[in-house]
């Protein structure tokens, strides 16, 4: 298992961050998603043999763009 932290500074509200958290938790290979309070960051624990960092990063970028559509 690996753990990464990604900044979600461009997402303004906690509701948007919560929505992204719920969607990321559904990805195959993602074990745990945690919002780091007050930092605008999200922590993701995942199985790198199933899903890679690049795929997670791309997916989160797409989710943040959809949040503002």
C-alpha atoms as a PDB file:
ATOM      1  CA  UNK A   1       0.000   0.000   0.000  1.00  0.00           C
ATOM      2  CA  UNK A   2       1.078   3.552  -0.726  1.00  0.00           C
ATOM      3  CA  UNK A   3      -0.148   6.872   0.612  1.00  0.00           C
ATOM      4  CA  UNK A   4      -0.150  10.209  -1.188  1.00  0.00           C
ATOM      5  CA  UNK A   5      -1.333  13.704  -0.350  1.00  0.00           C
ATOM      6  CA  UNK A   6      -2.698  16.016  -3.019  1.00  0.00           C
ATOM      7  CA  UNK A   7      -3.612  19.695  -2.776  1.00  0.00           C
ATOM      8  CA  UNK A   8      -7.182  20.660  -3.571  1.00  0.00           C
ATOM      9  CA  UNK A   9      -6.628  24.390  -3.130  1.00  0.00           C
ATOM     10  CA  UNK A  10      -8.674  25.209  -6.231  1.00  0.00           C
ATOM     11  CA  UNK A  11     -11.745  23.589  -4.645  1.00  0.00           C
ATOM     12  CA  UNK A  12     -13.259  26.286  -2.467  1.00  0.00           C
ATOM     13  CA  UNK A  13     -15.852  24.624  -0.252  1.00  0.00           C
ATOM     14  CA  UNK A  14     -15.829  21.641   2.070  1.00  0.00           C
ATOM     15  CA  UNK A  15     -18.898  20.248   0.280  1.00  0.00           C
ATOM     16  CA  UNK A  16     -16.950  20.056  -2.993  1.00  0.00           C
ATOM     17  CA  UNK A  17     -14.013  18.384  -1.281  1.00  0.00           C
ATOM     18  CA  UNK A  18     -16.404  15.903   0.369  1.00  0.00           C
ATOM     19  CA  UNK A  19     -17.926  15.087  -3.022  1.00  0.00           C
ATOM     20  CA  UNK A  20     -14.489  14.428  -4.486  1.00  0.00           C
ATOM     21  CA  UNK A  21     -13.606  12.238  -1.489  1.00  0.00           C
ATOM     22  CA  UNK A  22     -16.718  10.082  -1.975  1.00  0.00           C
ATOM     23  CA  UNK A  23     -15.984   9.625  -5.688  1.00  0.00           C
ATOM     24  CA  UNK A  24     -12.293   8.765  -5.188  1.00  0.00           C
ATOM     25  CA  UNK A  25     -13.208   6.131  -2.571  1.00  0.00           C
ATOM     26  CA  UNK A  26     -15.081   4.237  -5.313  1.00  0.00           C
ATOM     27  CA  UNK A  27     -11.961   3.704  -7.457  1.00  0.00           C
ATOM     28  CA  UNK A  28     -10.721   0.144  -7.586  1.00  0.00           C
ATOM     29  CA  UNK A  29      -7.510  -0.087  -5.581  1.00  0.00           C
ATOM     30  CA  UNK A  30      -8.218   2.888  -3.308  1.00  0.00           C
ATOM     31  CA  UNK A  31      -8.421   1.738   0.291  1.00  0.00           C
ATOM     32  CA  UNK A  32      -8.884   4.970   2.252  1.00  0.00           C
ATOM     33  CA  UNK A  33      -9.447   8.662   1.523  1.00  0.00           C
ATOM     34  CA  UNK A  34      -9.058  11.298   4.217  1.00  0.00           C
ATOM     35  CA  UNK A  35      -9.552  15.064   4.104  1.00  0.00           C
ATOM     36  CA  UNK A  36      -6.839  16.847   6.059  1.00  0.00           C
ATOM     37  CA  UNK A  37      -8.799  19.562   7.856  1.00  0.00           C
ATOM     38  CA  UNK A  38      -7.856  23.165   7.229  1.00  0.00           C
ATOM     39  CA  UNK A  39      -5.095  22.359   4.750  1.00  0.00           C
ATOM     40  CA  UNK A  40      -6.995  21.989   1.476  1.00  0.00           C
ATOM     41  CA  UNK A  41      -5.348  18.594   1.031  1.00  0.00           C
ATOM     42  CA  UNK A  42      -6.630  15.066   0.603  1.00  0.00           C
ATOM     43  CA  UNK A  43      -4.757  11.897   1.640  1.00  0.00           C
ATOM     44  CA  UNK A  44      -5.263   8.708  -0.348  1.00  0.00           C
ATOM     45  CA  UNK A  45      -4.139   5.212   0.580  1.00  0.00           C
ATOM     46  CA  UNK A  46      -4.089   2.893  -2.419  1.00  0.00           C
ATOM     47  CA  UNK A  47      -2.725  -0.372  -3.787  1.00  0.00           C
ATOM     48  CA  UNK A  48      -0.143   0.599  -6.415  1.00  0.00           C
ATOM     49  CA  UNK A  49      -0.440  -2.796  -8.114  1.00  0.00           C
ATOM     50  CA  UNK A  50      -4.068  -1.930  -8.997  1.00  0.00           C
ATOM     51  CA  UNK A  51      -4.055   1.850  -9.511  1.00  0.00           C
ATOM     52  CA  UNK A  52      -1.131   4.213  -9.981  1.00  0.00           C
ATOM     53  CA  UNK A  53      -0.414   7.695  -8.675  1.00  0.00           C
ATOM     54  CA  UNK A  54      -0.683   9.208 -12.156  1.00  0.00           C
ATOM     55  CA  UNK A  55      -4.141   7.742 -12.689  1.00  0.00           C
ATOM     56  CA  UNK A  56      -5.339   9.034  -9.312  1.00  0.00           C
ATOM     57  CA  UNK A  57      -3.897  12.494  -9.972  1.00  0.00           C
ATOM     58  CA  UNK A  58      -5.510  12.708 -13.438  1.00  0.00           C
ATOM     59  CA  UNK A  59      -8.854  11.536 -12.075  1.00  0.00           C
ATOM     60  CA  UNK A  60      -8.850  14.080  -9.254  1.00  0.00           C
ATOM     61  CA  UNK A  61      -7.980  16.848 -11.705  1.00  0.00           C
ATOM     62  CA  UNK A  62     -10.984  15.839 -13.843  1.00  0.00           C
ATOM     63  CA  UNK A  63     -13.241  15.699 -10.772  1.00  0.00           C
ATOM     64  CA  UNK A  64     -12.209  19.202  -9.671  1.00  0.00           C
ATOM     65  CA  UNK A  65     -12.979  20.544 -13.139  1.00  0.00           C
ATOM     66  CA  UNK A  66     -16.425  18.906 -13.138  1.00  0.00           C
ATOM     67  CA  UNK A  67     -17.174  20.350  -9.708  1.00  0.00           C
ATOM     68  CA  UNK A  68     -17.176  23.852 -11.213  1.00  0.00           C
ATOM     69  CA  UNK A  69     -19.093  23.032 -14.438  1.00  0.00           C
END
